[in-house]
């Protein structure tokens, strides 16, 4: 999962939040636990907030918490909220070639990659954050 660290961070954080959904967590706490920078946390979690998955409060007692029940947040929701693709697709195709073989090859490979991406999102949609939450998580209990 470390291939895409933003997705990994988001899923990891939401999984911990599922253990105590009413608890507000600061960016600094999340960053310390995840071994990253609070700025990175805010950027990633900001996208989840925009998608309605998280809520945030500013100020001394502020932080992040789930905006929806972890039972209804799927891995696909998180993946799509981050607006990144794990599988390259048609947007990654180079400028049109003067070679018909190369053009046809690029088109066909792009179609396959788009099918893979659709399948990935569908499969991610079958798993909720609660499904991956570990009940013995010491971070959630602290």
Protein backbone atom coordinates (compact mmCIF):
# COMPACT_ATOMS: atom_id res chain seq x y z
CA UNK A 1 0.00 0.00 0.00
CA UNK A 2 2.96 2.36 0.40
CA UNK A 3 3.08 2.83 -3.37
CA UNK A 4 0.67 5.73 -2.94
CA UNK A 5 1.48 7.27 0.42
CA UNK A 6 -1.50 9.64 0.35
CA UNK A 7 -3.95 6.79 -0.04
CA UNK A 8 -2.11 4.81 2.62
CA UNK A 9 -2.17 7.76 5.02
CA UNK A 10 -5.87 8.41 4.41
CA UNK A 11 -6.92 4.78 4.86
CA UNK A 12 -4.70 4.34 7.91
CA UNK A 13 -6.07 7.49 9.56
CA UNK A 14 -9.71 6.68 8.83
CA UNK A 15 -9.25 3.15 10.10
CA UNK A 16 -7.99 4.48 13.42
CA UNK A 17 -10.82 7.01 13.56
CA UNK A 18 -13.31 4.16 13.15
CA UNK A 19 -12.23 2.89 16.58
CA UNK A 20 -13.41 6.05 18.32
CA UNK A 21 -15.46 8.11 15.86
CA UNK A 22 -16.37 10.83 18.36
CA UNK A 23 -12.73 11.61 19.17
CA UNK A 24 -11.19 14.65 17.51
CA UNK A 25 -7.60 14.16 16.36
CA UNK A 26 -5.14 16.93 15.57
CA UNK A 27 -3.03 16.99 12.44
CA UNK A 28 0.06 16.87 14.65
CA UNK A 29 -1.14 13.72 16.44
CA UNK A 30 -2.00 12.01 13.16
CA UNK A 31 1.33 13.05 11.65
CA UNK A 32 3.32 11.78 14.63
CA UNK A 33 1.55 8.42 14.51
CA UNK A 34 1.92 8.09 10.73
CA UNK A 35 5.52 9.29 10.66
CA UNK A 36 4.88 12.23 8.38
CA UNK A 37 4.46 15.99 8.50
CA UNK A 38 1.30 17.74 9.76
CA UNK A 39 1.17 19.75 6.52
CA UNK A 40 0.96 16.51 4.53
CA UNK A 41 -1.82 15.31 6.84
CA UNK A 42 -3.80 18.52 6.35
CA UNK A 43 -3.47 18.34 2.55
CA UNK A 44 -4.61 14.73 2.40
CA UNK A 45 -7.39 15.02 4.96
CA UNK A 46 -8.54 18.28 3.37
CA UNK A 47 -9.50 16.31 0.27
CA UNK A 48 -11.47 13.90 2.45
CA UNK A 49 -13.22 16.87 4.06
CA UNK A 50 -14.12 18.24 0.63
CA UNK A 51 -15.65 14.85 -0.19
CA UNK A 52 -17.73 14.93 3.01
CA UNK A 53 -15.90 12.04 4.67
CA UNK A 54 -14.24 14.11 7.41
CA UNK A 55 -15.08 17.20 9.37
CA UNK A 56 -12.55 19.61 10.82
CA UNK A 57 -12.65 22.27 13.49
CA UNK A 58 -10.13 25.06 13.83
CA UNK A 59 -8.71 26.36 17.06
CA UNK A 60 -7.22 25.05 20.28
CA UNK A 61 -9.71 22.19 20.68
CA UNK A 62 -9.95 21.61 16.94
CA UNK A 63 -8.95 18.72 14.77
CA UNK A 64 -10.36 16.03 12.53
CA UNK A 65 -13.13 13.51 12.96
CA UNK A 66 -15.39 11.38 10.82
CA UNK A 67 -18.25 13.21 9.13
CA UNK A 68 -20.00 9.94 8.26
CA UNK A 69 -20.30 6.57 9.89
CA UNK A 70 -17.25 4.40 9.19
CA UNK A 71 -19.64 1.61 8.20
CA UNK A 72 -20.68 3.52 5.08
CA UNK A 73 -17.30 4.96 4.07
CA UNK A 74 -15.78 2.60 1.53
CA UNK A 75 -12.20 2.35 0.39
CA UNK A 76 -13.47 3.52 -3.01
CA UNK A 77 -14.87 6.69 -1.41
CA UNK A 78 -11.42 7.49 -0.06
CA UNK A 79 -9.63 6.58 -3.28
CA UNK A 80 -11.96 8.73 -5.38
CA UNK A 81 -11.81 11.64 -2.92
CA UNK A 82 -8.04 11.82 -3.34
CA UNK A 83 -8.54 12.14 -7.12
CA UNK A 84 -5.47 10.10 -7.95
CA UNK A 85 -5.18 7.04 -10.11
CA UNK A 86 -3.15 3.99 -9.22
CA UNK A 87 -3.51 2.75 -12.79
CA UNK A 88 -2.39 5.05 -15.61
CA UNK A 89 -4.99 5.71 -18.22
CA UNK A 90 -5.82 7.73 -21.29
CA UNK A 91 -4.74 10.97 -19.65
CA UNK A 92 -1.18 9.62 -19.63
CA UNK A 93 -1.01 8.97 -23.37
CA UNK A 94 1.65 10.89 -25.23
CA UNK A 95 0.94 13.19 -28.13
CA UNK A 96 -0.56 11.48 -31.19
CA UNK A 97 1.99 9.56 -33.19
CA UNK A 98 2.41 9.56 -36.94
CA UNK A 99 2.65 5.77 -36.71
CA UNK A 100 -0.73 4.02 -36.94
CA UNK A 101 0.59 0.98 -35.07
CA UNK A 102 1.72 3.08 -32.11
CA UNK A 103 -1.55 5.05 -32.09
CA UNK A 104 -3.63 1.87 -32.10
CA UNK A 105 -1.43 0.27 -29.45
CA UNK A 106 -1.78 3.29 -27.16
CA UNK A 107 -5.55 3.30 -27.60
CA UNK A 108 -5.90 -0.41 -26.84
CA UNK A 109 -3.63 -0.29 -23.81
CA UNK A 110 -5.52 2.75 -22.54
CA UNK A 111 -8.82 0.86 -22.82
CA UNK A 112 -7.39 -2.04 -20.81
CA UNK A 113 -6.05 0.31 -18.13
CA UNK A 114 -9.41 2.08 -17.88
CA UNK A 115 -11.11 -1.30 -17.40
CA UNK A 116 -8.61 -2.14 -14.66
CA UNK A 117 -9.24 1.21 -12.97
CA UNK A 118 -13.01 0.65 -13.05
CA UNK A 119 -12.54 -2.83 -11.60
CA UNK A 120 -10.28 -1.43 -8.88
CA UNK A 121 -12.86 1.16 -7.83
CA UNK A 122 -15.60 -1.47 -7.83
CA UNK A 123 -13.55 -3.83 -5.65
CA UNK A 124 -12.58 -1.01 -3.27
CA UNK A 125 -16.27 -0.17 -2.99
CA UNK A 126 -16.91 -3.59 -1.49
CA UNK A 127 -14.91 -2.83 1.66
CA UNK A 128 -15.75 -0.25 4.32
CA UNK A 129 -13.38 1.44 6.71
CA UNK A 130 -14.91 -0.62 9.54
CA UNK A 131 -14.05 -3.79 7.65
CA UNK A 132 -10.35 -2.97 7.93
CA UNK A 133 -10.33 -1.47 11.40
CA UNK A 134 -8.44 -3.54 13.94
CA UNK A 135 -10.21 -3.70 17.30
CA UNK A 136 -6.89 -4.09 19.14
CA UNK A 137 -5.50 -0.81 17.84
CA UNK A 138 -3.61 0.85 20.70
CA UNK A 139 -3.70 4.25 18.96
CA UNK A 140 -7.50 4.20 18.91
CA UNK A 141 -7.66 3.43 22.61
CA UNK A 142 -5.26 6.16 23.65
